[in-house]
Amino acid sequence: MTDDAVLEALQARCERSLAWHGRRNAADLLDSIDRASAVDRYGEGGVVAELESECAAVLGKPAALFFPSGTMAQQITLRVHADRRNNRAIVFHPACHLDRHEGGAYHRLQSLIGRPAGDQHRLLDLDDLRAVAEPIGALVLELPQRDIGGQQPDLPSLRAQVAWARDRGAAVHLDGARLWESAAGYGVPAAQVAALFDTVYVSFYKGLGALAGCCVAGDEQVIAELREWRQRMGGTVFALWPYAASALTALRERMPRMADYLRHARAIAAALKDAEGVVVVPDPPHTSMMHLLLRTTPEAFTAAARDSPSSRASGAGHGPAPPPIRPYNRWNSRSARRLAGSPPRRSATS
């Protein structure tokens, strides 16, 4: 068997997961869809409209729009901000998801110009932004920063970064794919974080564990423009209701648990603090996400897992080692949820 096959087989025997909501099958996902949901037609009405209304209320924004894909949603949102300001430059952290994991879509499809600011291995700060001299159309902030272990700035620093953009006439957009986790980390409602931003993107399949899909929330005119662009980009498919129904269930059931997930993540981090060859990043976790840096190699780890006498292990996701820490491999504990009796899911990288 290949190493990947060995790890998959071992994970299939696990009874607890430290990543997402465990390994799920079609039946599990179908159970998240309320059979009484009203269907939409090309994104209009039904449970799609219900989800949009509830999401806007949770985020404290006038309106929200459902998208089948976050990649589609965010590039369109930034295009609208750029068009409104006649400036196609967007500033973001070097580890920004839009720049690293979306095939350059913002540039190739929307002709936006990316301007990284700061160091990819640490949080963005105000001095990094002050070093940007050119006029910009938008500032993109990701909360929490997935690729550096779920770190996020304190609220005063976040407000200062937003103020910098506003003073320059730029829009401020939140990549809030994990805003639910971020708000729990700050100890405030999601709407309090969202209030700082012109537009807010949230995902329903990541921390909440629903089917694919997301919403962008903002003022009514911006959302109206996004609705037109969703159609142009092929996102207004005939039936979005299964995704929206699953998202509504997850939003109602799992968003209130985010503080519990955070407490459990920090308990895991504390338990690992003195473990030999393990570094927790950040320590303590800012949100219910962390990176575990293991002093080993992929080959040694796989061999140890293969030889483990236990058939009832716990699973955690993993990814490639970050460039500055070559002696380690990076293992992500995305949400540190304890799912007794449920097999684990291997963490994805997007």
Protein backbone atom coordinates (compact mmCIF):
# COMPACT_ATOMS: atom_id res chain seq x y z
CA MET A 1 0.00 0.00 0.00
CA THR A 2 1.12 3.56 -0.61
CA ASP A 3 1.77 5.81 2.38
CA ASP A 4 -1.42 7.76 1.67
CA ALA A 5 -3.41 4.54 1.52
CA VAL A 6 -1.92 3.40 4.83
CA LEU A 7 -2.89 6.67 6.52
CA GLU A 8 -6.39 6.57 5.03
CA ALA A 9 -6.89 3.03 6.30
CA LEU A 10 -5.67 3.97 9.78
CA GLN A 11 -7.87 7.04 9.87
CA ALA A 12 -10.88 4.98 8.88
CA ARG A 13 -10.43 3.05 12.15
CA CYS A 14 -10.26 6.15 14.31
CA GLU A 15 -13.09 6.89 16.70
CA ARG A 16 -12.33 10.55 17.35
CA SER A 17 -11.38 13.38 15.06
CA LEU A 18 -9.35 16.54 15.62
CA ALA A 19 -10.30 17.91 12.21
CA TRP A 20 -13.61 19.27 11.01
CA HIS A 21 -16.60 17.14 11.98
CA GLY A 22 -15.11 13.76 11.22
CA ARG A 23 -15.34 11.57 8.16
CA ARG A 24 -18.89 11.80 6.86
CA ASN A 25 -20.85 9.93 4.23
CA ALA A 26 -23.73 10.92 1.99
CA ALA A 27 -26.31 9.88 4.58
CA ASP A 28 -24.76 12.17 7.19
CA LEU A 29 -24.82 15.13 4.82
CA LEU A 30 -28.35 14.44 3.62
CA ASP A 31 -29.47 14.45 7.25
CA SER A 32 -28.45 18.12 7.42
CA ILE A 33 -31.13 19.00 4.85
CA ASP A 34 -34.55 19.69 6.33
CA ARG A 35 -37.03 17.75 4.21
CA ALA A 36 -39.57 20.52 4.74
CA SER A 37 -37.31 23.14 3.13
CA ALA A 38 -38.92 25.33 0.49
CA VAL A 39 -37.07 25.08 -2.82
CA ASP A 40 -35.69 28.03 -4.75
CA ARG A 41 -35.68 28.68 -8.48
CA TYR A 42 -32.39 30.04 -9.81
CA GLY A 43 -31.46 31.28 -6.34
CA GLU A 44 -34.69 33.17 -5.73
CA GLY A 45 -37.02 32.42 -2.81
CA GLY A 46 -37.36 29.33 -0.67
CA VAL A 47 -34.73 28.30 1.84
CA VAL A 48 -32.06 30.26 -0.07
CA ALA A 49 -33.81 33.53 0.76
CA GLU A 50 -34.35 32.31 4.33
CA LEU A 51 -30.65 31.59 4.74
CA GLU A 52 -29.65 34.94 3.22
CA SER A 53 -31.97 36.79 5.59
CA GLU A 54 -30.73 34.91 8.65
CA CYS A 55 -27.09 35.31 7.66
CA ALA A 56 -27.50 39.05 7.16
CA ALA A 57 -29.12 39.31 10.61
CA VAL A 58 -26.37 37.27 12.30
CA LEU A 59 -23.71 39.46 10.68
CA GLY A 60 -25.58 42.72 11.28
CA LYS A 61 -25.63 43.68 7.60
CA PRO A 62 -28.56 44.93 5.49
CA ALA A 63 -28.38 42.09 2.96
CA ALA A 64 -26.58 38.86 2.05
CA LEU A 65 -26.26 36.71 -1.07
CA PHE A 66 -25.67 32.96 -1.30
CA PHE A 67 -22.94 31.59 -3.59
CA PRO A 68 -22.06 27.98 -4.42
CA SER A 69 -18.33 28.77 -4.17
CA GLY A 70 -16.17 31.04 -2.04
CA THR A 71 -13.68 31.49 -4.86
CA MET A 72 -16.46 32.90 -7.02
CA ALA A 73 -17.90 35.01 -4.22
CA GLN A 74 -14.74 36.79 -3.16
CA GLN A 75 -13.31 37.62 -6.56
CA ILE A 76 -16.67 39.07 -7.60
CA THR A 77 -16.91 41.10 -4.39
CA LEU A 78 -13.45 42.56 -4.89
CA ARG A 79 -14.23 43.33 -8.52
CA VAL A 80 -17.28 45.33 -7.45
CA HIS A 81 -15.21 47.29 -4.92
CA ALA A 82 -12.52 47.94 -7.55
CA ASP A 83 -15.05 49.06 -10.16
CA ARG A 84 -16.71 51.44 -7.72
CA ARG A 85 -13.37 53.09 -6.88
CA ASN A 86 -11.80 52.85 -10.33
CA ASN A 87 -8.77 51.18 -8.74
CA ARG A 88 -7.91 47.53 -9.31
CA ALA A 89 -5.16 47.20 -6.69
CA ILE A 90 -6.02 45.01 -3.70
CA VAL A 91 -3.79 44.61 -0.64
CA PHE A 92 -3.60 41.35 1.29
CA HIS A 93 -1.35 39.27 3.53
CA PRO A 94 1.16 37.13 1.55
CA ALA A 95 -0.55 33.96 2.85
CA CYS A 96 -3.96 35.17 1.66
CA HIS A 97 -6.17 32.30 0.47
CA LEU A 98 -7.16 34.22 -2.68
CA ASP A 99 -3.55 34.47 -3.74
CA ARG A 100 -2.30 31.05 -2.66
CA HIS A 101 -5.10 28.62 -3.31
CA GLU A 102 -7.36 29.91 -6.09
CA GLY A 103 -5.22 29.73 -9.21
CA GLY A 104 -4.84 33.50 -9.54
CA ALA A 105 -8.54 33.83 -10.36
CA TYR A 106 -8.81 37.39 -9.05
CA HIS A 107 -6.21 38.49 -11.60
CA ARG A 108 -6.93 36.21 -14.54
CA LEU A 109 -10.70 36.58 -14.48
CA GLN A 110 -11.28 39.99 -12.87
CA SER A 111 -8.07 41.85 -13.87
CA LEU A 112 -7.39 42.76 -10.25
CA ILE A 113 -3.84 43.55 -9.16
CA GLY A 114 -2.64 41.87 -5.99
CA ARG A 115 -0.31 43.71 -3.62
CA PRO A 116 1.00 41.51 -0.77
CA ALA A 117 1.96 43.37 2.41
CA GLY A 118 3.92 42.05 5.39
CA ASP A 119 5.69 38.77 6.06
CA GLN A 120 4.02 35.48 5.15
CA HIS A 121 5.08 33.85 8.43
CA ARG A 122 3.51 36.36 10.82
CA LEU A 123 0.42 38.49 11.18
CA LEU A 124 -0.02 41.66 9.17
CA ASP A 125 0.51 44.85 11.19
CA LEU A 126 -0.07 48.55 10.71
CA ASP A 127 3.54 49.27 9.78
CA ASP A 128 3.23 46.77 6.91
CA LEU A 129 0.26 48.69 5.57
CA ARG A 130 1.94 52.08 6.03
CA ALA A 131 4.70 50.80 3.75
CA VAL A 132 2.17 50.64 0.88
CA ALA A 133 2.45 53.96 -0.96
CA GLU A 134 0.27 53.36 -4.02
CA PRO A 135 -3.48 54.07 -4.02
CA ILE A 136 -5.59 50.93 -3.54
CA GLY A 137 -9.13 49.85 -4.20
CA ALA A 138 -9.55 47.37 -1.37
CA LEU A 139 -7.89 45.81 1.65
CA VAL A 140 -8.58 42.11 2.25
CA LEU A 141 -8.18 40.76 5.79
CA GLU A 142 -8.50 37.06 6.60
CA LEU A 143 -9.74 36.10 10.06
CA PRO A 144 -8.31 33.87 11.31
CA GLN A 145 -5.20 33.37 9.14
CA ARG A 146 -5.42 29.72 8.17
CA ASP A 147 -1.92 29.26 6.77
CA ILE A 148 -0.21 30.53 9.94
CA GLY A 149 -2.14 28.38 12.36
CA GLY A 150 -5.36 30.33 12.82
CA GLN A 151 -3.69 33.44 14.25
CA GLN A 152 -5.53 36.75 14.33
CA PRO A 153 -4.64 40.26 15.53
CA ASP A 154 -6.17 41.73 18.67
CA LEU A 155 -9.20 43.91 18.13
CA PRO A 156 -7.41 47.29 18.56
CA SER A 157 -4.87 46.26 15.90
CA LEU A 158 -7.65 45.08 13.60
CA ARG A 159 -9.49 48.39 13.98
CA ALA A 160 -6.29 50.30 13.20
CA GLN A 161 -5.77 48.33 9.97
CA VAL A 162 -9.36 48.99 8.91
CA ALA A 163 -8.95 52.71 9.68
CA TRP A 164 -5.80 52.80 7.51
CA ALA A 165 -7.79 51.54 4.53
CA ARG A 166 -10.72 53.85 5.15
CA ASP A 167 -8.41 56.88 5.35
CA ARG A 168 -7.18 55.98 1.85
CA GLY A 169 -10.70 55.65 0.43
CA ALA A 170 -10.39 51.87 0.02
CA ALA A 171 -13.03 49.27 0.68
CA VAL A 172 -12.36 46.76 3.47
CA HIS A 173 -13.39 43.16 2.82
CA LEU A 174 -13.30 40.32 5.33
CA ASP A 175 -12.33 36.86 4.21
CA GLY A 176 -14.33 35.39 7.05
CA ALA A 177 -14.47 31.79 5.86
CA ARG A 178 -13.97 30.96 9.55
CA LEU A 179 -15.53 34.07 11.06
CA TRP A 180 -17.56 31.84 13.37
CA GLU A 181 -14.31 30.58 14.92
CA SER A 182 -12.76 34.05 14.82
CA ALA A 183 -15.60 35.68 16.75
CA ALA A 184 -15.38 32.98 19.42
CA GLY A 185 -11.66 33.69 19.69
CA TYR A 186 -12.37 37.37 20.27
CA GLY A 187 -15.21 36.54 22.66
CA VAL A 188 -17.66 38.77 20.78
CA PRO A 189 -20.65 38.18 18.47
CA ALA A 190 -19.86 37.72 14.77
CA ALA A 191 -21.76 40.94 14.01
CA GLN A 192 -19.31 42.95 16.11
CA VAL A 193 -16.40 41.79 13.96
CA ALA A 194 -18.39 42.13 10.73
CA ALA A 195 -19.33 45.73 11.59
CA LEU A 196 -15.76 46.81 10.84
CA PHE A 197 -15.99 45.73 7.19
CA ASP A 198 -17.82 46.86 4.06
CA THR A 199 -18.37 43.28 2.93
CA VAL A 200 -18.03 39.96 4.74
CA TYR A 201 -17.63 36.50 3.23
CA VAL A 202 -18.52 33.48 5.38
CA SER A 203 -18.32 29.78 4.57
CA PHE A 204 -20.84 27.17 5.62
CA TYR A 205 -18.87 24.00 4.86
CA LYS A 206 -15.66 24.70 6.79
CA GLY A 207 -16.12 25.27 10.50
CA LEU A 208 -19.87 24.69 10.31
CA GLY A 209 -19.58 21.45 8.34
CA ALA A 210 -22.46 21.96 5.90
CA LEU A 211 -22.50 21.18 2.20
CA ALA A 212 -20.68 23.55 -0.16
CA GLY A 213 -21.68 27.18 -0.18
CA CYS A 214 -21.16 30.59 1.36
CA CYS A 215 -22.66 34.05 1.72
CA VAL A 216 -21.37 37.57 1.21
CA ALA A 217 -23.04 40.22 3.36
CA GLY A 218 -22.97 43.98 2.88
CA ASP A 219 -25.13 46.93 1.93
CA GLU A 220 -28.08 46.41 -0.38
CA GLN A 221 -26.58 48.10 -3.45
CA VAL A 222 -23.36 46.08 -3.30
CA ILE A 223 -25.35 42.87 -2.87
CA ALA A 224 -27.53 43.81 -5.85
CA GLU A 225 -24.39 44.17 -7.99
CA LEU A 226 -23.07 40.85 -6.67
CA ARG A 227 -26.33 39.17 -7.69
CA GLU A 228 -25.79 40.28 -11.29
CA TRP A 229 -22.18 39.09 -11.24
CA ARG A 230 -23.18 35.73 -9.76
CA GLN A 231 -25.30 35.13 -12.82
CA ARG A 232 -22.51 36.22 -15.19
CA MET A 233 -20.08 33.85 -13.47
CA GLY A 234 -22.44 30.88 -13.72
CA GLY A 235 -23.28 30.73 -10.02
CA THR A 236 -27.03 31.17 -10.34
CA VAL A 237 -27.80 27.52 -10.95
CA PHE A 238 -31.34 26.18 -11.22
CA ALA A 239 -31.50 24.80 -7.66
CA LEU A 240 -29.38 26.00 -4.75
CA TRP A 241 -31.77 24.86 -2.03
CA PRO A 242 -29.97 21.65 -0.93
CA TYR A 243 -26.84 23.63 -0.10
CA ALA A 244 -28.77 26.44 1.56
CA ALA A 245 -30.85 24.05 3.64
CA SER A 246 -27.75 22.25 4.88
CA ALA A 247 -26.10 25.60 5.64
CA LEU A 248 -29.10 26.81 7.63
CA THR A 249 -29.05 23.66 9.76
CA ALA A 250 -25.31 23.98 10.40
CA LEU A 251 -25.55 27.70 11.17
CA ARG A 252 -28.22 27.12 13.79
CA GLU A 253 -26.72 24.01 15.35
CA ARG A 254 -22.96 24.61 15.26
CA MET A 255 -22.37 28.34 15.45
CA PRO A 256 -23.48 28.36 19.13
CA ARG A 257 -20.87 25.65 19.86
CA MET A 258 -17.85 27.65 18.67
CA ALA A 259 -16.85 28.71 22.19
CA ASP A 260 -16.90 25.04 23.24
CA TYR A 261 -14.74 24.09 20.25
CA LEU A 262 -12.26 26.81 21.24
CA ARG A 263 -12.07 25.57 24.84
CA HIS A 264 -11.45 22.03 23.62
CA ALA A 265 -8.76 23.17 21.17
CA ARG A 266 -6.96 24.99 23.96
CA ALA A 267 -7.23 21.94 26.21
CA ILE A 268 -5.61 19.82 23.50
CA ALA A 269 -2.88 22.43 23.02
CA ALA A 270 -2.21 22.50 26.77
CA ALA A 271 -1.98 18.70 26.87
CA LEU A 272 0.58 18.77 24.05
CA LYS A 273 2.58 21.69 25.40
CA ASP A 274 5.28 19.58 27.00
CA ALA A 275 5.18 16.67 24.54
CA GLU A 276 8.61 15.91 23.14
CA GLY A 277 9.07 16.91 19.50
CA VAL A 278 5.77 18.80 19.29
CA VAL A 279 5.31 22.56 18.90
CA VAL A 280 1.84 24.13 19.01
CA VAL A 281 1.36 27.21 16.79
CA PRO A 282 0.06 29.52 18.08
CA ASP A 283 0.29 28.69 21.77
CA PRO A 284 -2.30 29.07 23.09
CA PRO A 285 -4.52 28.84 19.99
CA HIS A 286 -6.28 32.07 19.04
CA THR A 287 -9.23 30.12 17.63
CA SER A 288 -10.28 26.49 17.39
CA MET A 289 -7.52 25.98 14.83
CA MET A 290 -3.85 25.30 15.38
CA HIS A 291 -0.78 23.92 13.66
CA LEU A 292 1.14 21.10 15.26
CA LEU A 293 4.78 21.04 14.20
CA LEU A 294 6.20 17.54 14.64
CA ARG A 295 9.93 16.91 14.69
CA THR A 296 9.80 14.05 12.23
CA THR A 297 9.57 13.27 8.52
CA PRO A 298 6.56 12.09 6.51
CA GLU A 299 8.23 8.69 6.12
CA ALA A 300 8.95 8.30 9.83
CA PHE A 301 5.47 9.40 10.78
CA THR A 302 3.83 6.94 8.39
CA ALA A 303 6.06 4.13 9.66
CA ALA A 304 5.16 4.91 13.26
CA ALA A 305 1.47 5.03 12.43
CA ARG A 306 1.71 1.76 10.49
CA ASP A 307 3.39 0.03 13.44
CA SER A 308 1.03 1.42 16.08
CA PRO A 309 -0.63 -1.41 18.05
CA SER A 310 -3.75 0.67 18.62
CA SER A 311 -6.72 0.30 16.32
CA ARG A 312 -8.59 3.12 18.04
CA ALA A 313 -6.48 6.18 17.39
CA SER A 314 -7.48 9.81 16.97
CA GLY A 315 -7.16 11.47 13.56
CA ALA A 316 -5.77 14.88 12.66
CA GLY A 317 -5.38 16.53 9.29
CA HIS A 318 -2.03 17.36 7.80
CA GLY A 319 -0.32 19.48 5.21
CA PRO A 320 3.13 20.30 3.84
CA ALA A 321 5.85 21.81 6.01
CA PRO A 322 6.06 25.62 5.94
CA PRO A 323 9.33 26.88 4.42
CA PRO A 324 11.00 28.39 7.52
CA ILE A 325 10.69 25.32 9.76
CA ARG A 326 12.31 22.57 7.74
CA PRO A 327 12.95 20.16 10.67
CA TYR A 328 9.20 19.84 11.17
CA ASN A 329 6.13 18.67 9.34
CA ARG A 330 2.97 20.71 9.74
CA TRP A 331 -0.15 18.96 11.01
CA ASN A 332 -3.36 20.93 11.21
CA SER A 333 -5.94 20.50 13.94
CA ARG A 334 -8.59 22.55 12.18
CA SER A 335 -11.35 22.61 14.71
CA ALA A 336 -10.39 20.20 17.49
CA ARG A 337 -13.85 18.73 17.84
CA ARG A 338 -14.30 15.56 19.83
CA LEU A 339 -16.62 13.19 17.97
CA ALA A 340 -16.77 10.02 20.03
CA GLY A 341 -18.09 7.12 17.98
CA SER A 342 -17.56 8.93 14.68
CA PRO A 343 -14.62 8.18 12.36
CA PRO A 344 -12.33 11.09 11.47
CA ARG A 345 -11.91 13.17 8.38
CA ARG A 346 -8.55 14.07 7.00
CA SER A 347 -8.15 17.84 6.86
CA ALA A 348 -8.30 19.46 3.45
CA THR A 349 -5.95 22.25 2.42
CA SER A 350 -8.52 24.66 1.06
